[in-house]
């Protein structure tokens, strides 16, 4: 049997908003598997358990640099929210995005090796990063980036510094920028239902199947319930099928058709997405310090 720690329970609660005891039960049943436990909570508690699943805990900023049909989007991480407001850290992030747009490196290492000086540090971007780590007293890193090669027009939207969206399009820029804002708000996973990743569909089907089994409905009705739930999910997470945030009487696709605009792709970065932060067990830490004090007494 898996050892279910208080930290694991706290992490699942932060992701789902589910009661603490329900989180512990789900983790026990899932033998410590966090993803499976989250699915079990969704079956038992409904959609409430997934409302906070998009929450992220790692800190940092998204930086975007675009010029015509070429550009870049970058995520730079740090340890605390305080540093995300530091002028030197923000300058580093924005400069790195501009370097990607200008030189389109293939890897983080190639990006880090590009020439750049700031705050008396240099001559490379990596030298500046290391210098700011020592100056600010907090670790920071370039996590991921995307270079846009100029095959389509680009527009972008930054929600604060934590969510960044770049849209590749042809047509009206105002309409495309509205789509970028919509993506930041509604977080679709694909352009169309046909583009939704198979693993996400299967996960949703698994949840729907478990719910249908609990309902006790006859097999033919349960089958329709499952298929209906999957189709509803596909519409909810595909951009073109979503109700447009500025006018929910039309879909995003209908809005674009009216504006004679074609969205070819979108890329969204959310700071810390997929990064797990260590959950500190303060009680254990205090106990350890007390024990250490006793040994040295």
Protein backbone atom coordinates (compact mmCIF):
# COMPACT_ATOMS: atom_id res chain seq x y z
CA UNK A 1 0.00 0.00 0.00
CA UNK A 2 1.31 3.44 -0.97
CA UNK A 3 2.37 5.81 1.79
CA UNK A 4 -0.05 8.77 1.57
CA UNK A 5 1.66 11.80 3.07
CA UNK A 6 0.12 15.04 4.30
CA UNK A 7 1.97 16.82 1.50
CA UNK A 8 0.29 14.65 -1.14
CA UNK A 9 -3.13 15.34 0.38
CA UNK A 10 -2.43 19.08 0.47
CA UNK A 11 -1.29 19.05 -3.16
CA UNK A 12 -4.45 17.26 -4.33
CA UNK A 13 -6.63 19.61 -2.32
CA UNK A 14 -4.89 22.62 -3.90
CA UNK A 15 -5.57 21.19 -7.35
CA UNK A 16 -9.21 20.24 -6.78
CA UNK A 17 -10.72 22.24 -3.88
CA UNK A 18 -12.08 18.90 -2.60
CA UNK A 19 -12.40 18.27 1.17
CA UNK A 20 -9.23 17.02 2.85
CA UNK A 21 -10.65 13.63 3.83
CA UNK A 22 -11.99 13.05 0.32
CA UNK A 23 -8.55 13.80 -1.05
CA UNK A 24 -6.97 11.28 1.32
CA UNK A 25 -9.53 8.62 0.39
CA UNK A 26 -8.97 9.21 -3.32
CA UNK A 27 -5.19 8.99 -2.96
CA UNK A 28 -5.50 5.80 -0.94
CA UNK A 29 -7.76 4.23 -3.56
CA UNK A 30 -5.43 5.39 -6.33
CA UNK A 31 -2.40 4.04 -4.44
CA UNK A 32 -0.73 7.44 -4.49
CA UNK A 33 -1.27 8.16 -8.20
CA UNK A 34 -2.10 11.90 -8.28
CA UNK A 35 -3.71 11.90 -11.76
CA UNK A 36 -5.87 8.87 -10.99
CA UNK A 37 -6.89 10.36 -7.63
CA UNK A 38 -7.99 13.56 -9.35
CA UNK A 39 -10.12 11.53 -11.78
CA UNK A 40 -11.68 9.61 -8.87
CA UNK A 41 -12.64 12.89 -7.22
CA UNK A 42 -14.22 14.14 -10.44
CA UNK A 43 -16.35 10.99 -10.59
CA UNK A 44 -17.41 11.32 -6.97
CA UNK A 45 -17.74 15.07 -6.59
CA UNK A 46 -18.49 16.18 -10.15
CA UNK A 47 -17.02 19.19 -11.90
CA UNK A 48 -16.22 20.98 -8.63
CA UNK A 49 -13.17 18.80 -8.19
CA UNK A 50 -11.61 20.07 -11.42
CA UNK A 51 -12.28 23.79 -10.99
CA UNK A 52 -8.88 24.52 -9.53
CA UNK A 53 -6.96 21.91 -11.51
CA UNK A 54 -5.39 24.61 -13.68
CA UNK A 55 -3.82 26.34 -10.69
CA UNK A 56 -0.08 26.51 -10.80
CA UNK A 57 2.38 27.24 -8.04
CA UNK A 58 5.75 27.97 -9.67
CA UNK A 59 6.55 31.66 -10.11
CA UNK A 60 7.87 33.57 -13.09
CA UNK A 61 6.81 35.59 -16.13
CA UNK A 62 5.89 35.16 -19.77
CA UNK A 63 7.64 37.49 -22.23
CA UNK A 64 6.62 38.03 -25.86
CA UNK A 65 8.44 39.76 -28.71
CA UNK A 66 6.82 40.03 -32.15
CA UNK A 67 7.64 41.99 -35.29
CA UNK A 68 5.45 41.42 -38.31
CA UNK A 69 5.38 37.71 -39.10
CA UNK A 70 8.18 36.62 -36.77
CA UNK A 71 8.40 36.54 -33.02
CA UNK A 72 8.95 34.60 -29.82
CA UNK A 73 7.32 33.68 -26.53
CA UNK A 74 9.34 32.66 -23.47
CA UNK A 75 8.74 31.50 -19.91
CA UNK A 76 11.28 32.53 -17.27
CA UNK A 77 10.90 31.05 -13.79
CA UNK A 78 11.96 32.25 -10.36
CA UNK A 79 11.30 31.20 -6.79
CA UNK A 80 8.94 33.88 -5.44
CA UNK A 81 6.28 36.26 -6.73
CA UNK A 82 8.30 39.15 -5.27
CA UNK A 83 11.05 38.67 -7.87
CA UNK A 84 8.55 38.71 -10.78
CA UNK A 85 8.19 42.45 -10.11
CA UNK A 86 11.94 43.11 -10.02
CA UNK A 87 12.99 45.45 -12.85
CA UNK A 88 16.23 43.56 -13.57
CA UNK A 89 14.43 40.21 -13.75
CA UNK A 90 11.80 41.66 -16.11
CA UNK A 91 14.49 43.25 -18.27
CA UNK A 92 16.25 39.89 -18.54
CA UNK A 93 13.03 38.13 -19.58
CA UNK A 94 12.11 40.72 -22.21
CA UNK A 95 15.64 40.83 -23.60
CA UNK A 96 15.73 37.04 -23.87
CA UNK A 97 12.44 37.04 -25.84
CA UNK A 98 13.88 39.65 -28.21
CA UNK A 99 17.03 37.57 -28.66
CA UNK A 100 14.94 34.53 -29.58
CA UNK A 101 12.98 36.57 -32.15
CA UNK A 102 16.19 37.93 -33.65
CA UNK A 103 18.40 34.83 -33.61
CA UNK A 104 15.88 31.93 -33.28
CA UNK A 105 18.07 29.53 -31.24
CA UNK A 106 17.05 25.87 -31.12
CA UNK A 107 17.62 25.15 -27.43
CA UNK A 108 17.84 26.83 -24.02
CA UNK A 109 21.62 26.29 -24.10
CA UNK A 110 21.87 28.05 -27.47
CA UNK A 111 19.74 30.91 -26.15
CA UNK A 112 21.88 31.21 -23.03
CA UNK A 113 25.05 31.47 -25.12
CA UNK A 114 23.83 34.54 -27.07
CA UNK A 115 25.61 37.84 -26.51
CA UNK A 116 23.94 40.10 -23.95
CA UNK A 117 25.00 42.45 -21.15
CA UNK A 118 22.93 43.96 -18.33
CA UNK A 119 23.50 45.42 -14.87
CA UNK A 120 27.24 45.08 -15.30
CA UNK A 121 27.02 41.37 -16.13
CA UNK A 122 27.87 39.66 -19.43
CA UNK A 123 29.00 39.00 -22.11
CA UNK A 124 26.33 36.29 -22.58
CA UNK A 125 22.73 35.89 -21.48
CA UNK A 126 23.79 33.04 -19.18
CA UNK A 127 26.39 35.30 -17.53
CA UNK A 128 23.69 37.88 -16.88
CA UNK A 129 21.37 35.23 -15.45
CA UNK A 130 24.07 33.98 -13.09
CA UNK A 131 24.95 37.51 -12.09
CA UNK A 132 21.34 38.36 -11.26
CA UNK A 133 20.97 35.14 -9.26
CA UNK A 134 23.81 36.34 -7.04
CA UNK A 135 22.59 39.94 -6.94
CA UNK A 136 18.91 39.19 -6.23
CA UNK A 137 19.60 36.10 -4.13
CA UNK A 138 17.08 33.85 -5.86
CA UNK A 139 17.40 31.17 -8.51
CA UNK A 140 15.93 31.87 -11.95
CA UNK A 141 15.86 29.87 -15.16
CA UNK A 142 14.75 29.96 -18.78
CA UNK A 143 12.19 27.18 -18.93
CA UNK A 144 10.76 27.03 -22.47
CA UNK A 145 10.29 29.15 -25.58
CA UNK A 146 8.70 29.11 -29.00
CA UNK A 147 10.02 30.85 -32.12
CA UNK A 148 7.48 31.83 -34.79
CA UNK A 149 9.08 31.64 -38.21
CA UNK A 150 7.06 34.18 -40.20
CA UNK A 151 4.76 31.88 -42.16
CA UNK A 152 1.67 33.75 -40.88
CA UNK A 153 0.78 37.09 -39.33
CA UNK A 154 1.18 37.20 -35.56
CA UNK A 155 -0.70 38.92 -32.77
CA UNK A 156 -0.33 38.40 -29.03
CA UNK A 157 -1.86 39.02 -25.65
CA UNK A 158 -0.35 39.05 -22.17
CA UNK A 159 -2.62 38.71 -19.17
CA UNK A 160 -0.41 40.42 -16.63
CA UNK A 161 2.84 38.50 -16.86
CA UNK A 162 1.50 35.03 -16.03
CA UNK A 163 -0.43 34.05 -19.19
CA UNK A 164 0.82 34.64 -22.71
CA UNK A 165 -0.87 33.83 -26.02
CA UNK A 166 0.40 34.14 -29.58
CA UNK A 167 -2.06 33.68 -32.45
CA UNK A 168 -1.01 32.90 -36.04
CA UNK A 169 -3.60 34.27 -38.46
CA UNK A 170 -4.54 35.81 -41.80
CA UNK A 171 -7.07 38.61 -42.00
CA UNK A 172 -8.13 41.22 -39.45
CA UNK A 173 -5.67 41.76 -36.60
CA UNK A 174 -8.29 43.12 -34.20
CA UNK A 175 -10.33 39.91 -34.55
CA UNK A 176 -7.21 37.77 -34.11
CA UNK A 177 -6.22 39.71 -30.99
CA UNK A 178 -9.71 39.16 -29.60
CA UNK A 179 -9.08 35.45 -30.12
CA UNK A 180 -5.80 35.72 -28.22
CA UNK A 181 -7.66 37.32 -25.29
CA UNK A 182 -10.34 34.63 -25.54
CA UNK A 183 -7.70 31.87 -25.40
CA UNK A 184 -6.16 33.39 -22.27
CA UNK A 185 -9.59 33.45 -20.61
CA UNK A 186 -11.05 30.13 -21.75
CA UNK A 187 -7.87 28.05 -22.23
CA UNK A 188 -8.90 25.78 -25.13
CA UNK A 189 -6.61 22.85 -25.86
CA UNK A 190 -6.99 22.81 -29.65
CA UNK A 191 -8.45 24.66 -32.63
CA UNK A 192 -11.14 22.06 -33.41
CA UNK A 193 -12.69 18.99 -31.78
CA UNK A 194 -10.75 16.79 -34.21
CA UNK A 195 -7.47 18.20 -32.87
CA UNK A 196 -8.06 17.37 -29.19
CA UNK A 197 -5.29 14.95 -28.06
CA UNK A 198 -6.45 11.32 -27.82
CA UNK A 199 -5.18 10.94 -24.26
CA UNK A 200 -7.40 13.80 -23.07
CA UNK A 201 -10.43 12.27 -24.79
CA UNK A 202 -9.77 8.87 -23.23
CA UNK A 203 -9.37 10.43 -19.79
CA UNK A 204 -12.71 12.20 -20.18
CA UNK A 205 -14.33 9.01 -21.47
CA UNK A 206 -13.01 7.13 -18.44
CA UNK A 207 -14.56 9.67 -16.07
CA UNK A 208 -17.86 9.61 -18.01
CA UNK A 209 -17.90 5.80 -17.96
CA UNK A 210 -17.42 5.71 -14.19
CA UNK A 211 -20.21 8.27 -13.69
CA UNK A 212 -22.53 6.29 -15.96
CA UNK A 213 -21.78 3.09 -14.03
CA UNK A 214 -22.66 4.81 -10.75
CA UNK A 215 -25.95 6.06 -12.20
CA UNK A 216 -27.31 2.51 -12.51
CA UNK A 217 -28.88 3.28 -15.90
CA UNK A 218 -29.43 0.51 -18.50
CA UNK A 219 -26.46 -0.14 -20.79
CA UNK A 220 -27.95 1.59 -23.85
CA UNK A 221 -28.76 4.75 -21.89
CA UNK A 222 -25.36 4.66 -20.14
CA UNK A 223 -23.68 4.44 -23.53
CA UNK A 224 -25.52 7.54 -24.72
CA UNK A 225 -24.61 9.34 -21.49
CA UNK A 226 -20.94 8.57 -22.04
CA UNK A 227 -20.93 9.68 -25.66
CA UNK A 228 -22.88 12.82 -24.80
CA UNK A 229 -20.39 13.73 -22.08
CA UNK A 230 -17.44 13.22 -24.43
CA UNK A 231 -19.01 15.33 -27.18
CA UNK A 232 -19.80 18.08 -24.67
CA UNK A 233 -16.18 18.03 -23.51
CA UNK A 234 -14.87 18.28 -27.08
CA UNK A 235 -16.95 21.38 -27.70
CA UNK A 236 -15.88 22.95 -24.42
CA UNK A 237 -12.14 22.60 -25.07
CA UNK A 238 -11.91 23.30 -28.82
CA UNK A 239 -11.42 26.97 -29.68
CA UNK A 240 -13.72 27.24 -32.70
CA UNK A 241 -16.65 25.65 -30.83
CA UNK A 242 -16.39 27.80 -27.71
CA UNK A 243 -18.84 30.70 -27.19
CA UNK A 244 -16.92 33.90 -27.91
CA UNK A 245 -16.14 35.72 -24.65
CA UNK A 246 -17.20 39.11 -26.02
CA UNK A 247 -20.47 37.78 -27.45
CA UNK A 248 -21.64 34.39 -26.22
CA UNK A 249 -24.42 34.35 -28.83
CA UNK A 250 -21.83 33.28 -31.40
CA UNK A 251 -18.96 30.85 -31.43
CA UNK A 252 -15.36 31.90 -32.02
CA UNK A 253 -15.59 30.31 -35.47
CA UNK A 254 -18.67 32.37 -36.34
CA UNK A 255 -16.99 35.55 -35.12
CA UNK A 256 -13.95 34.85 -37.31
CA UNK A 257 -16.09 34.10 -40.35
CA UNK A 258 -17.90 37.43 -39.91
CA UNK A 259 -14.52 39.18 -39.64
CA UNK A 260 -13.16 37.29 -42.69
CA UNK A 261 -10.26 36.12 -40.58
CA UNK A 262 -8.55 32.72 -40.40
CA UNK A 263 -6.78 31.57 -37.24
CA UNK A 264 -4.21 28.95 -38.19
CA UNK A 265 -2.79 28.18 -34.75
CA UNK A 266 -2.41 29.47 -31.21
CA UNK A 267 0.19 28.93 -28.52
CA UNK A 268 -0.52 29.59 -24.85
CA UNK A 269 1.97 29.59 -21.98
CA UNK A 270 0.83 29.69 -18.35
CA UNK A 271 3.56 30.35 -15.80
CA UNK A 272 4.47 27.21 -13.88
CA UNK A 273 2.16 24.96 -15.89
CA UNK A 274 3.11 21.36 -15.14
CA UNK A 275 5.65 22.29 -12.46
CA UNK A 276 5.13 20.90 -8.97
CA UNK A 277 6.26 23.00 -6.04
CA UNK A 278 7.53 21.32 -2.91
CA UNK A 279 4.91 21.42 -0.14
CA UNK A 280 6.67 22.26 3.09
CA UNK A 281 5.74 20.18 6.13
CA UNK A 282 6.28 22.84 8.78
CA UNK A 283 5.36 20.52 11.68
CA UNK A 284 8.00 18.03 10.60
CA UNK A 285 10.53 20.81 10.07
CA UNK A 286 9.98 22.18 13.59
CA UNK A 287 10.19 18.68 15.06
CA UNK A 288 13.47 18.10 13.24
CA UNK A 289 14.90 21.38 14.53
CA UNK A 290 13.86 20.54 18.11
CA UNK A 291 15.46 17.11 17.82
CA UNK A 292 18.65 18.63 16.45
CA UNK A 293 18.73 21.16 19.30
CA UNK A 294 18.40 18.41 21.87
CA UNK A 295 21.30 16.50 20.35
CA UNK A 296 23.60 19.51 20.52
CA UNK A 297 22.49 20.52 24.03
